[in-house]
Amino acid sequence: MTNRTLVIVNTTGRQGASVARVASAVGYNVRAHITNKLSEKDGMVAKELRGLENIELVEGSLEDNKLIARLFVGAQRAFINTISWGDEVVIGKALADAAKRAGVQHYVYSSMPDHAVFGHGWPSLPLWSCKFTVENYIRQIGLPATFVYTGIYNNNFTSLPYPLFYMELRPNGSFEWTAPFHPDKPLPWLDAEHDVGPAVLQILKDGIREWSGHRIGLAYQLLTPRQRGSIKVEVPIPSGYRSQLEGIEILFGKLEAPYFGPDIEAPGDALELWEGFRGMEEYAREVFPLEEAANGLTWMH
């Protein structure tokens, strides 16, 4: 591999940061995009990234087409995980267009399914369907690409009052969680911080001939919500997120749709890419207390 420049978008997110850490360690020249509207937590990740070797941080808005064009100059590989920093479909298409013009040879896009296309009366989830729209556009323009569909992050759990993954600390020292999923339907789980980076780097190492056009369910364990505990907890729901939660309740709680849709299985390809995953039990024992402490919580003392 003569050109070792790897573009990463949303590098302060869990997926992008994981890819950046591993890519930097194995000698890639990482061109890492970060937003110019960093939260306190994102700012901590950006500070960490600045301390790594082989990383160039590119700060700015993804609504700036000139910045997008600069991102891909001279690069042959990219890992893209867009989030709602604006119109995600417009931004996703602009990134793909710029990558194609620059001659990127392997574009790994973090997508998700639009369940409505499968014809079972399943609803779309608004924060997922936009990614699927971008995925289809990437295919239409002929950009050489692989698509990863990430499972539920182990790292989402918190004892802070956030929707969907809030866990209540019980008097006996245990945590209990509820969410609008079917209690006995297995869900795919992933330690995004630990496992996205190695898996994506293996996709890039195998190359586009191995993974061209593939959808990969990136998850390493299947666990049911009942295995995680059950208690009803009311927490504030941020503006714009309610429709996503209501869709999750219908899609997975009532209709019992498969998380990635009917055509993607996990952890098959994920284990082929990376066997050293961190499971839920290890995460809960070794990492969760550290993340809680970083959020200012003291229950572990």
C-alpha atoms as a PDB file:
ATOM      1  CA  MET A   1       0.000   0.000   0.000  1.00  0.00           C
ATOM      2  CA  THR A   2       1.849   3.059  -1.262  1.00  0.00           C
ATOM      3  CA  ASN A   3      -0.755   5.644  -0.262  1.00  0.00           C
ATOM      4  CA  ARG A   4      -1.598   5.382   3.418  1.00  0.00           C
ATOM      5  CA  THR A   5      -3.854   8.431   3.777  1.00  0.00           C
ATOM      6  CA  LEU A   6      -7.165   7.595   5.447  1.00  0.00           C
ATOM      7  CA  VAL A   7      -9.944  10.180   5.717  1.00  0.00           C
ATOM      8  CA  ILE A   8     -12.254   9.872   8.734  1.00  0.00           C
ATOM      9  CA  VAL A   9     -15.422  11.909   9.203  1.00  0.00           C
ATOM     10  CA  ASN A  10     -16.879  12.451  12.685  1.00  0.00           C
ATOM     11  CA  THR A  11     -13.613  11.483  14.326  1.00  0.00           C
ATOM     12  CA  THR A  12     -14.695  12.519  17.821  1.00  0.00           C
ATOM     13  CA  GLY A  13     -17.567  10.009  17.707  1.00  0.00           C
ATOM     14  CA  ARG A  14     -17.086   6.535  19.130  1.00  0.00           C
ATOM     15  CA  GLN A  15     -16.783   4.850  15.743  1.00  0.00           C
ATOM     16  CA  GLY A  16     -14.472   7.404  14.159  1.00  0.00           C
ATOM     17  CA  ALA A  17     -12.238   7.728  17.219  1.00  0.00           C
ATOM     18  CA  SER A  18     -11.836   3.957  17.372  1.00  0.00           C
ATOM     19  CA  VAL A  19     -10.778   3.842  13.711  1.00  0.00           C
ATOM     20  CA  ALA A  20      -8.416   6.795  14.165  1.00  0.00           C
ATOM     21  CA  ARG A  21      -6.631   5.259  17.152  1.00  0.00           C
ATOM     22  CA  VAL A  22      -5.990   1.949  15.416  1.00  0.00           C
ATOM     23  CA  ALA A  23      -5.125   3.465  12.041  1.00  0.00           C
ATOM     24  CA  SER A  24      -2.632   5.854  13.635  1.00  0.00           C
ATOM     25  CA  ALA A  25      -1.014   2.994  15.551  1.00  0.00           C
ATOM     26  CA  VAL A  26      -0.404   0.911  12.414  1.00  0.00           C
ATOM     27  CA  GLY A  27       1.021   3.779  10.385  1.00  0.00           C
ATOM     28  CA  TYR A  28      -1.804   5.288   8.383  1.00  0.00           C
ATOM     29  CA  ASN A  29      -1.708   9.029   7.802  1.00  0.00           C
ATOM     30  CA  VAL A  30      -5.094   9.951   9.225  1.00  0.00           C
ATOM     31  CA  ARG A  31      -6.897  13.040   7.981  1.00  0.00           C
ATOM     32  CA  ALA A  32      -9.485  13.406  10.707  1.00  0.00           C
ATOM     33  CA  HIS A  33     -12.485  15.687  10.381  1.00  0.00           C
ATOM     34  CA  ILE A  34     -13.919  17.217  13.551  1.00  0.00           C
ATOM     35  CA  THR A  35     -16.808  19.632  13.819  1.00  0.00           C
ATOM     36  CA  ASN A  36     -16.226  23.207  14.889  1.00  0.00           C
ATOM     37  CA  LYS A  37     -19.068  22.830  17.413  1.00  0.00           C
ATOM     38  CA  LEU A  38     -17.486  20.435  19.883  1.00  0.00           C
ATOM     39  CA  SER A  39     -19.203  19.399  23.098  1.00  0.00           C
ATOM     40  CA  GLU A  40     -17.069  19.100  26.223  1.00  0.00           C
ATOM     41  CA  LYS A  41     -16.754  15.338  25.687  1.00  0.00           C
ATOM     42  CA  ASP A  42     -15.916  15.755  21.991  1.00  0.00           C
ATOM     43  CA  GLY A  43     -13.305  18.325  22.967  1.00  0.00           C
ATOM     44  CA  MET A  44     -11.613  15.752  25.217  1.00  0.00           C
ATOM     45  CA  VAL A  45     -11.474  13.258  22.340  1.00  0.00           C
ATOM     46  CA  ALA A  46     -10.088  15.923  19.994  1.00  0.00           C
ATOM     47  CA  LYS A  47      -7.363  16.685  22.539  1.00  0.00           C
ATOM     48  CA  GLU A  48      -6.489  12.985  22.677  1.00  0.00           C
ATOM     49  CA  LEU A  49      -6.361  12.766  18.877  1.00  0.00           C
ATOM     50  CA  ARG A  50      -3.992  15.725  18.683  1.00  0.00           C
ATOM     51  CA  GLY A  51      -1.563  13.745  20.807  1.00  0.00           C
ATOM     52  CA  LEU A  52      -1.491  10.734  18.484  1.00  0.00           C
ATOM     53  CA  GLU A  53       1.066  10.265  15.737  1.00  0.00           C
ATOM     54  CA  ASN A  54       0.180  10.552  12.051  1.00  0.00           C
ATOM     55  CA  ILE A  55      -3.048  12.495  12.593  1.00  0.00           C
ATOM     56  CA  GLU A  56      -4.010  15.744  10.866  1.00  0.00           C
ATOM     57  CA  LEU A  57      -7.165  17.332  12.290  1.00  0.00           C
ATOM     58  CA  VAL A  58      -9.424  19.172   9.851  1.00  0.00           C
ATOM     59  CA  GLU A  59     -11.930  21.328  11.699  1.00  0.00           C
ATOM     60  CA  GLY A  60     -15.023  22.818  10.137  1.00  0.00           C
ATOM     61  CA  SER A  61     -18.588  22.406   8.972  1.00  0.00           C
ATOM     62  CA  LEU A  62     -19.580  19.600   6.623  1.00  0.00           C
ATOM     63  CA  GLU A  63     -21.965  22.071   5.017  1.00  0.00           C
ATOM     64  CA  ASP A  64     -18.831  23.732   3.567  1.00  0.00           C
ATOM     65  CA  ASN A  65     -18.265  22.084   0.164  1.00  0.00           C
ATOM     66  CA  LYS A  66     -14.758  23.511  -0.130  1.00  0.00           C
ATOM     67  CA  LEU A  67     -13.772  21.841   3.144  1.00  0.00           C
ATOM     68  CA  ILE A  68     -15.303  18.566   1.962  1.00  0.00           C
ATOM     69  CA  ALA A  69     -13.305  18.733  -1.260  1.00  0.00           C
ATOM     70  CA  ARG A  70     -10.062  19.330   0.658  1.00  0.00           C
ATOM     71  CA  LEU A  71     -10.694  16.342   2.887  1.00  0.00           C
ATOM     72  CA  PHE A  72     -10.207  13.800   0.134  1.00  0.00           C
ATOM     73  CA  VAL A  73      -7.335  15.301  -1.875  1.00  0.00           C
ATOM     74  CA  GLY A  74      -4.670  12.623  -2.303  1.00  0.00           C
ATOM     75  CA  ALA A  75      -6.543  10.050  -0.199  1.00  0.00           C
ATOM     76  CA  GLN A  76      -7.415   6.538  -1.348  1.00  0.00           C
ATOM     77  CA  ARG A  77      -9.366   5.297   1.663  1.00  0.00           C
ATOM     78  CA  ALA A  78     -12.077   6.713   3.885  1.00  0.00           C
ATOM     79  CA  PHE A  79     -14.281   5.858   6.835  1.00  0.00           C
ATOM     80  CA  ILE A  80     -17.438   7.957   6.988  1.00  0.00           C
ATOM     81  CA  ASN A  81     -19.948   8.120   9.822  1.00  0.00           C
ATOM     82  CA  THR A  82     -22.290  11.067   9.371  1.00  0.00           C
ATOM     83  CA  ILE A  83     -24.590  12.359  12.081  1.00  0.00           C
ATOM     84  CA  SER A  84     -27.231  15.083  12.142  1.00  0.00           C
ATOM     85  CA  TRP A  85     -24.963  18.164  11.966  1.00  0.00           C
ATOM     86  CA  GLY A  86     -27.295  19.478   9.279  1.00  0.00           C
ATOM     87  CA  ASP A  87     -29.138  17.728   6.467  1.00  0.00           C
ATOM     88  CA  GLU A  88     -27.527  14.302   6.752  1.00  0.00           C
ATOM     89  CA  VAL A  89     -28.606  13.214   3.268  1.00  0.00           C
ATOM     90  CA  VAL A  90     -27.235  16.351   1.611  1.00  0.00           C
ATOM     91  CA  ILE A  91     -23.977  16.077   3.548  1.00  0.00           C
ATOM     92  CA  GLY A  92     -23.676  12.343   2.886  1.00  0.00           C
ATOM     93  CA  LYS A  93     -24.139  12.820  -0.852  1.00  0.00           C
ATOM     94  CA  ALA A  94     -21.658  15.708  -0.939  1.00  0.00           C
ATOM     95  CA  LEU A  95     -19.036  13.588   0.833  1.00  0.00           C
ATOM     96  CA  ALA A  96     -19.565  10.728  -1.610  1.00  0.00           C
ATOM     97  CA  ASP A  97     -19.336  13.049  -4.625  1.00  0.00           C
ATOM     98  CA  ALA A  98     -16.107  14.587  -3.346  1.00  0.00           C
ATOM     99  CA  ALA A  99     -14.592  11.176  -2.635  1.00  0.00           C
ATOM    100  CA  LYS A 100     -15.453   9.957  -6.136  1.00  0.00           C
ATOM    101  CA  ARG A 101     -13.955  13.072  -7.755  1.00  0.00           C
ATOM    102  CA  ALA A 102     -10.783  12.593  -5.706  1.00  0.00           C
ATOM    103  CA  GLY A 103     -10.441   8.955  -6.794  1.00  0.00           C
ATOM    104  CA  VAL A 104     -10.950   7.320  -3.380  1.00  0.00           C
ATOM    105  CA  GLN A 105     -10.555   3.581  -3.951  1.00  0.00           C
ATOM    106  CA  HIS A 106     -12.226   2.185  -0.822  1.00  0.00           C
ATOM    107  CA  TYR A 107     -14.997   4.074   0.970  1.00  0.00           C
ATOM    108  CA  VAL A 108     -16.295   2.481   4.170  1.00  0.00           C
ATOM    109  CA  TYR A 109     -19.646   4.024   5.069  1.00  0.00           C
ATOM    110  CA  SER A 110     -21.407   3.502   8.400  1.00  0.00           C
ATOM    111  CA  SER A 111     -24.987   2.906   7.306  1.00  0.00           C
ATOM    112  CA  MET A 112     -28.204   1.550   8.839  1.00  0.00           C
ATOM    113  CA  PRO A 113     -31.300  -0.085   7.341  1.00  0.00           C
ATOM    114  CA  ASP A 114     -34.563   1.488   6.295  1.00  0.00           C
ATOM    115  CA  HIS A 115     -36.980  -1.197   7.429  1.00  0.00           C
ATOM    116  CA  ALA A 116     -39.819   0.264   5.362  1.00  0.00           C
ATOM    117  CA  VAL A 117     -38.249  -1.058   2.135  1.00  0.00           C
ATOM    118  CA  PHE A 118     -38.683  -4.704   3.149  1.00  0.00           C
ATOM    119  CA  GLY A 119     -42.441  -4.756   2.629  1.00  0.00           C
ATOM    120  CA  HIS A 120     -43.604  -6.115   5.990  1.00  0.00           C
ATOM    121  CA  GLY A 121     -45.413  -3.017   7.193  1.00  0.00           C
ATOM    122  CA  TRP A 122     -42.339  -2.006   9.193  1.00  0.00           C
ATOM    123  CA  PRO A 123     -41.877   1.744   9.743  1.00  0.00           C
ATOM    124  CA  SER A 124     -38.767   3.735   8.908  1.00  0.00           C
ATOM    125  CA  LEU A 125     -36.657   5.061  11.750  1.00  0.00           C
ATOM    126  CA  PRO A 126     -35.838   8.699  10.879  1.00  0.00           C
ATOM    127  CA  LEU A 127     -32.257   8.614  12.164  1.00  0.00           C
ATOM    128  CA  TRP A 128     -31.560   5.438  10.175  1.00  0.00           C
ATOM    129  CA  SER A 129     -33.448   5.895   6.920  1.00  0.00           C
ATOM    130  CA  CYS A 130     -31.338   8.924   5.964  1.00  0.00           C
ATOM    131  CA  LYS A 131     -28.210   6.764   6.167  1.00  0.00           C
ATOM    132  CA  PHE A 132     -29.805   4.146   3.937  1.00  0.00           C
ATOM    133  CA  THR A 133     -30.662   6.858   1.415  1.00  0.00           C
ATOM    134  CA  VAL A 134     -27.004   7.909   1.340  1.00  0.00           C
ATOM    135  CA  GLU A 135     -25.907   4.287   1.005  1.00  0.00           C
ATOM    136  CA  ASN A 136     -28.091   3.872  -2.074  1.00  0.00           C
ATOM    137  CA  TYR A 137     -26.658   7.062  -3.554  1.00  0.00           C
ATOM    138  CA  ILE A 138     -23.105   5.784  -3.005  1.00  0.00           C
ATOM    139  CA  ARG A 139     -24.040   2.656  -4.928  1.00  0.00           C
ATOM    140  CA  GLN A 140     -25.696   4.665  -7.712  1.00  0.00           C
ATOM    141  CA  ILE A 141     -22.625   6.812  -8.412  1.00  0.00           C
ATOM    142  CA  GLY A 142     -20.311   3.794  -8.505  1.00  0.00           C
ATOM    143  CA  LEU A 143     -18.077   4.751  -5.594  1.00  0.00           C
ATOM    144  CA  PRO A 144     -16.147   1.610  -4.483  1.00  0.00           C
ATOM    145  CA  ALA A 145     -17.607   1.038  -1.033  1.00  0.00           C
ATOM    146  CA  THR A 146     -18.304  -1.267   1.887  1.00  0.00           C
ATOM    147  CA  PHE A 147     -21.147  -0.646   4.326  1.00  0.00           C
ATOM    148  CA  VAL A 148     -20.964  -1.404   8.045  1.00  0.00           C
ATOM    149  CA  TYR A 149     -24.128  -1.610  10.131  1.00  0.00           C
ATOM    150  CA  THR A 150     -23.216  -1.174  13.780  1.00  0.00           C
ATOM    151  CA  GLY A 151     -25.050  -2.899  16.607  1.00  0.00           C
ATOM    152  CA  ILE A 152     -26.155  -1.217  19.816  1.00  0.00           C
ATOM    153  CA  TYR A 153     -23.173   0.253  21.606  1.00  0.00           C
ATOM    154  CA  ASN A 154     -22.336  -1.232  24.991  1.00  0.00           C
ATOM    155  CA  ASN A 155     -21.008   2.272  25.608  1.00  0.00           C
ATOM    156  CA  ASN A 156     -24.495   3.797  25.392  1.00  0.00           C
ATOM    157  CA  PHE A 157     -25.467   2.695  28.883  1.00  0.00           C
ATOM    158  CA  THR A 158     -25.402   5.370  31.558  1.00  0.00           C
ATOM    159  CA  SER A 159     -26.890   6.197  34.932  1.00  0.00           C
ATOM    160  CA  LEU A 160     -27.390   9.772  33.726  1.00  0.00           C
ATOM    161  CA  PRO A 161     -30.996  10.626  32.739  1.00  0.00           C
ATOM    162  CA  TYR A 162     -30.677  10.074  28.993  1.00  0.00           C
ATOM    163  CA  PRO A 163     -33.415   8.397  26.940  1.00  0.00           C
ATOM    164  CA  LEU A 164     -33.292   4.753  25.841  1.00  0.00           C
ATOM    165  CA  PHE A 165     -30.135   3.648  27.669  1.00  0.00           C
ATOM    166  CA  TYR A 166     -30.633   5.071  31.157  1.00  0.00           C
ATOM    167  CA  MET A 167     -30.036   2.472  33.885  1.00  0.00           C
ATOM    168  CA  GLU A 168     -31.308   2.976  37.414  1.00  0.00           C
ATOM    169  CA  LEU A 169     -28.971   2.172  40.283  1.00  0.00           C
ATOM    170  CA  ARG A 170     -30.838  -0.102  42.691  1.00  0.00           C
ATOM    171  CA  PRO A 171     -30.338  -0.312  46.482  1.00  0.00           C
ATOM    172  CA  ASN A 172     -28.472  -3.619  46.130  1.00  0.00           C
ATOM    173  CA  GLY A 173     -25.853  -1.976  43.891  1.00  0.00           C
ATOM    174  CA  SER A 174     -27.116  -3.464  40.620  1.00  0.00           C
ATOM    175  CA  PHE A 175     -28.469  -1.619  37.595  1.00  0.00           C
ATOM    176  CA  GLU A 176     -31.758  -2.191  35.827  1.00  0.00           C
ATOM    177  CA  TRP A 177     -32.686  -1.061  32.344  1.00  0.00           C
ATOM    178  CA  THR A 178     -35.762  -0.925  30.194  1.00  0.00           C
ATOM    179  CA  ALA A 179     -36.304   0.119  26.608  1.00  0.00           C
ATOM    180  CA  PRO A 180     -39.035  -0.284  24.001  1.00  0.00           C
ATOM    181  CA  PHE A 181     -37.582  -3.506  22.591  1.00  0.00           C
ATOM    182  CA  HIS A 182     -39.246  -6.909  22.796  1.00  0.00           C
ATOM    183  CA  PRO A 183     -37.971  -8.451  26.065  1.00  0.00           C
ATOM    184  CA  ASP A 184     -37.044 -11.808  24.491  1.00  0.00           C
ATOM    185  CA  LYS A 185     -35.845 -10.737  21.031  1.00  0.00           C
ATOM    186  CA  PRO A 186     -32.044 -10.914  20.763  1.00  0.00           C
ATOM    187  CA  LEU A 187     -30.375  -7.638  19.876  1.00  0.00           C
ATOM    188  CA  PRO A 188     -26.876  -7.158  18.412  1.00  0.00           C
ATOM    189  CA  TRP A 189     -24.312  -5.521  20.719  1.00  0.00           C
ATOM    190  CA  LEU A 190     -20.972  -3.858  20.026  1.00  0.00           C
ATOM    191  CA  ASP A 191     -18.251  -2.168  22.047  1.00  0.00           C
ATOM    192  CA  ALA A 192     -17.761   0.685  19.596  1.00  0.00           C
ATOM    193  CA  GLU A 193     -14.668   2.139  21.281  1.00  0.00           C
ATOM    194  CA  HIS A 194     -12.864  -1.194  21.330  1.00  0.00           C
ATOM    195  CA  ASP A 195     -13.986  -3.039  18.218  1.00  0.00           C
ATOM    196  CA  VAL A 196     -14.984  -0.745  15.342  1.00  0.00           C
ATOM    197  CA  GLY A 197     -11.393   0.304  14.630  1.00  0.00           C
ATOM    198  CA  PRO A 198      -9.869  -3.181  14.269  1.00  0.00           C
ATOM    199  CA  ALA A 199     -12.797  -4.396  12.164  1.00  0.00           C
ATOM    200  CA  VAL A 200     -12.677  -1.440   9.778  1.00  0.00           C
ATOM    201  CA  LEU A 201      -8.906  -1.692   9.439  1.00  0.00           C
ATOM    202  CA  GLN A 202      -9.268  -5.357   8.477  1.00  0.00           C
ATOM    203  CA  ILE A 203     -11.870  -4.406   5.836  1.00  0.00           C
ATOM    204  CA  LEU A 204      -9.371  -1.924   4.394  1.00  0.00           C
ATOM    205  CA  LYS A 205      -6.563  -4.471   4.565  1.00  0.00           C
ATOM    206  CA  ASP A 206      -8.638  -7.130   2.783  1.00  0.00           C
ATOM    207  CA  GLY A 207      -9.482  -4.508   0.191  1.00  0.00           C
ATOM    208  CA  ILE A 208     -12.349  -3.562  -2.059  1.00  0.00           C
ATOM    209  CA  ARG A 209     -12.151  -6.805  -4.064  1.00  0.00           C
ATOM    210  CA  GLU A 210     -13.070  -8.754  -0.927  1.00  0.00           C
ATOM    211  CA  TRP A 211     -15.777  -6.431   0.398  1.00  0.00           C
ATOM    212  CA  SER A 212     -17.096  -4.424  -2.569  1.00  0.00           C
ATOM    213  CA  GLY A 213     -20.741  -3.565  -2.011  1.00  0.00           C
ATOM    214  CA  HIS A 214     -21.032  -5.762   1.089  1.00  0.00           C
ATOM    215  CA  ARG A 215     -23.228  -4.895   4.057  1.00  0.00           C
ATOM    216  CA  ILE A 216     -21.562  -6.078   7.259  1.00  0.00           C
ATOM    217  CA  GLY A 217     -23.441  -6.401  10.530  1.00  0.00           C
ATOM    218  CA  LEU A 218     -20.827  -5.152  12.964  1.00  0.00           C
ATOM    219  CA  ALA A 219     -21.854  -6.704  16.287  1.00  0.00           C
ATOM    220  CA  TYR A 220     -20.330  -9.426  18.435  1.00  0.00           C
ATOM    221  CA  GLN A 221     -23.007 -10.588  20.858  1.00  0.00           C
ATOM    222  CA  LEU A 222     -26.738 -11.242  20.691  1.00  0.00           C
ATOM    223  CA  LEU A 223     -28.448 -10.505  24.017  1.00  0.00           C
ATOM    224  CA  THR A 224     -32.104  -9.952  24.880  1.00  0.00           C
ATOM    225  CA  PRO A 225     -33.323  -6.965  26.927  1.00  0.00           C
ATOM    226  CA  ARG A 226     -34.510  -9.442  29.559  1.00  0.00           C
ATOM    227  CA  GLN A 227     -30.907 -10.452  30.024  1.00  0.00           C
ATOM    228  CA  ARG A 228     -30.177  -6.812  30.757  1.00  0.00           C
ATOM    229  CA  GLY A 229     -32.941  -6.343  33.388  1.00  0.00           C
ATOM    230  CA  SER A 230     -36.256  -4.520  33.258  1.00  0.00           C
ATOM    231  CA  ILE A 231     -37.676  -1.484  35.033  1.00  0.00           C
ATOM    232  CA  LYS A 232     -39.711   1.414  33.712  1.00  0.00           C
ATOM    233  CA  VAL A 233     -37.891   4.736  34.030  1.00  0.00           C
ATOM    234  CA  GLU A 234     -39.115   8.077  32.719  1.00  0.00           C
ATOM    235  CA  VAL A 235     -36.414  10.417  31.418  1.00  0.00           C
ATOM    236  CA  PRO A 236     -36.512  13.643  29.382  1.00  0.00           C
ATOM    237  CA  ILE A 237     -36.623  13.112  25.611  1.00  0.00           C
ATOM    238  CA  PRO A 238     -34.671  15.663  23.537  1.00  0.00           C
ATOM    239  CA  SER A 239     -36.465  17.544  20.802  1.00  0.00           C
ATOM    240  CA  GLY A 240     -36.335  15.637  17.518  1.00  0.00           C
ATOM    241  CA  TYR A 241     -35.674  12.264  19.135  1.00  0.00           C
ATOM    242  CA  ARG A 242     -39.220  11.321  20.142  1.00  0.00           C
ATOM    243  CA  SER A 243     -40.154  10.008  16.671  1.00  0.00           C
ATOM    244  CA  GLN A 244     -37.071   7.759  16.707  1.00  0.00           C
ATOM    245  CA  LEU A 245     -38.050   6.278  20.083  1.00  0.00           C
ATOM    246  CA  GLU A 246     -41.666   5.818  19.056  1.00  0.00           C
ATOM    247  CA  GLY A 247     -40.506   4.074  15.885  1.00  0.00           C
ATOM    248  CA  ILE A 248     -38.213   1.778  17.875  1.00  0.00           C
ATOM    249  CA  GLU A 249     -41.098   0.760  20.128  1.00  0.00           C
ATOM    250  CA  ILE A 250     -43.283  -0.159  17.135  1.00  0.00           C
ATOM    251  CA  LEU A 251     -40.548  -1.709  14.979  1.00  0.00           C
ATOM    252  CA  PHE A 252     -38.727  -3.796  17.578  1.00  0.00           C
ATOM    253  CA  GLY A 253     -41.109  -3.942  20.533  1.00  0.00           C
ATOM    254  CA  LYS A 254     -44.402  -4.704  18.805  1.00  0.00           C
ATOM    255  CA  LEU A 255     -43.486  -5.968  15.325  1.00  0.00           C
ATOM    256  CA  GLU A 256     -40.304  -7.796  16.424  1.00  0.00           C
ATOM    257  CA  ALA A 257     -38.408  -6.817  13.279  1.00  0.00           C
ATOM    258  CA  PRO A 258     -34.796  -7.999  12.966  1.00  0.00           C
ATOM    259  CA  TYR A 259     -32.471  -5.202  14.017  1.00  0.00           C
ATOM    260  CA  PHE A 260     -30.450  -5.079  10.794  1.00  0.00           C
ATOM    261  CA  GLY A 261     -33.330  -6.203   8.577  1.00  0.00           C
ATOM    262  CA  PRO A 262     -33.834  -9.735   7.220  1.00  0.00           C
ATOM    263  CA  ASP A 263     -30.694  -9.957   5.066  1.00  0.00           C
ATOM    264  CA  ILE A 264     -27.848  -9.227   7.502  1.00  0.00           C
ATOM    265  CA  GLU A 265     -26.734 -11.638  10.181  1.00  0.00           C
ATOM    266  CA  ALA A 266     -24.399 -10.969  13.083  1.00  0.00           C
ATOM    267  CA  PRO A 267     -21.856 -11.789  14.339  1.00  0.00           C
ATOM    268  CA  GLY A 268     -20.772 -13.792  11.251  1.00  0.00           C
ATOM    269  CA  ASP A 269     -18.723 -11.341   9.168  1.00  0.00           C
ATOM    270  CA  ALA A 270     -17.781  -9.332  12.248  1.00  0.00           C
ATOM    271  CA  LEU A 271     -15.969 -12.313  13.775  1.00  0.00           C
ATOM    272  CA  GLU A 272     -14.235 -12.976  10.479  1.00  0.00           C
ATOM    273  CA  LEU A 273     -12.853  -9.446  10.627  1.00  0.00           C
ATOM    274  CA  TRP A 274     -11.917  -9.244  14.313  1.00  0.00           C
ATOM    275  CA  GLU A 275     -12.013 -11.940  16.993  1.00  0.00           C
ATOM    276  CA  GLY A 276     -10.619  -9.925  19.893  1.00  0.00           C
ATOM    277  CA  PHE A 277     -13.893  -8.204  20.744  1.00  0.00           C
ATOM    278  CA  ARG A 278     -14.824  -6.922  24.198  1.00  0.00           C
ATOM    279  CA  GLY A 279     -18.101  -8.458  25.364  1.00  0.00           C
ATOM    280  CA  MET A 280     -20.777  -6.953  27.542  1.00  0.00           C
ATOM    281  CA  GLU A 281     -19.592  -8.589  30.765  1.00  0.00           C
ATOM    282  CA  GLU A 282     -16.013  -7.384  30.318  1.00  0.00           C
ATOM    283  CA  TYR A 283     -17.240  -3.919  29.371  1.00  0.00           C
ATOM    284  CA  ALA A 284     -19.502  -3.711  32.421  1.00  0.00           C
ATOM    285  CA  ARG A 285     -16.758  -4.870  34.761  1.00  0.00           C
ATOM    286  CA  GLU A 286     -13.760  -2.942  33.437  1.00  0.00           C
ATOM    287  CA  VAL A 287     -14.951   0.051  31.409  1.00  0.00           C
ATOM    288  CA  PHE A 288     -18.419   1.144  32.496  1.00  0.00           C
ATOM    289  CA  PRO A 289     -17.258   2.371  35.946  1.00  0.00           C
ATOM    290  CA  LEU A 290     -14.525   4.448  34.290  1.00  0.00           C
ATOM    291  CA  GLU A 291     -16.965   6.057  31.856  1.00  0.00           C
ATOM    292  CA  GLU A 292     -19.383   6.797  34.692  1.00  0.00           C
ATOM    293  CA  ALA A 293     -16.580   8.394  36.700  1.00  0.00           C
ATOM    294  CA  ALA A 294     -15.607  10.512  33.677  1.00  0.00           C
ATOM    295  CA  ASN A 295     -19.224  11.749  33.637  1.00  0.00           C
ATOM    296  CA  GLY A 296     -18.880  12.912  37.244  1.00  0.00           C
ATOM    297  CA  LEU A 297     -20.729  10.001  38.891  1.00  0.00           C
ATOM    298  CA  THR A 298     -19.531   8.507  42.172  1.00  0.00           C
ATOM    299  CA  TRP A 299     -21.611   5.351  42.753  1.00  0.00           C
ATOM    300  CA  MET A 300     -18.537   3.140  42.221  1.00  0.00           C
ATOM    301  CA  HIS A 301     -16.729   4.536  45.285  1.00  0.00           C
END
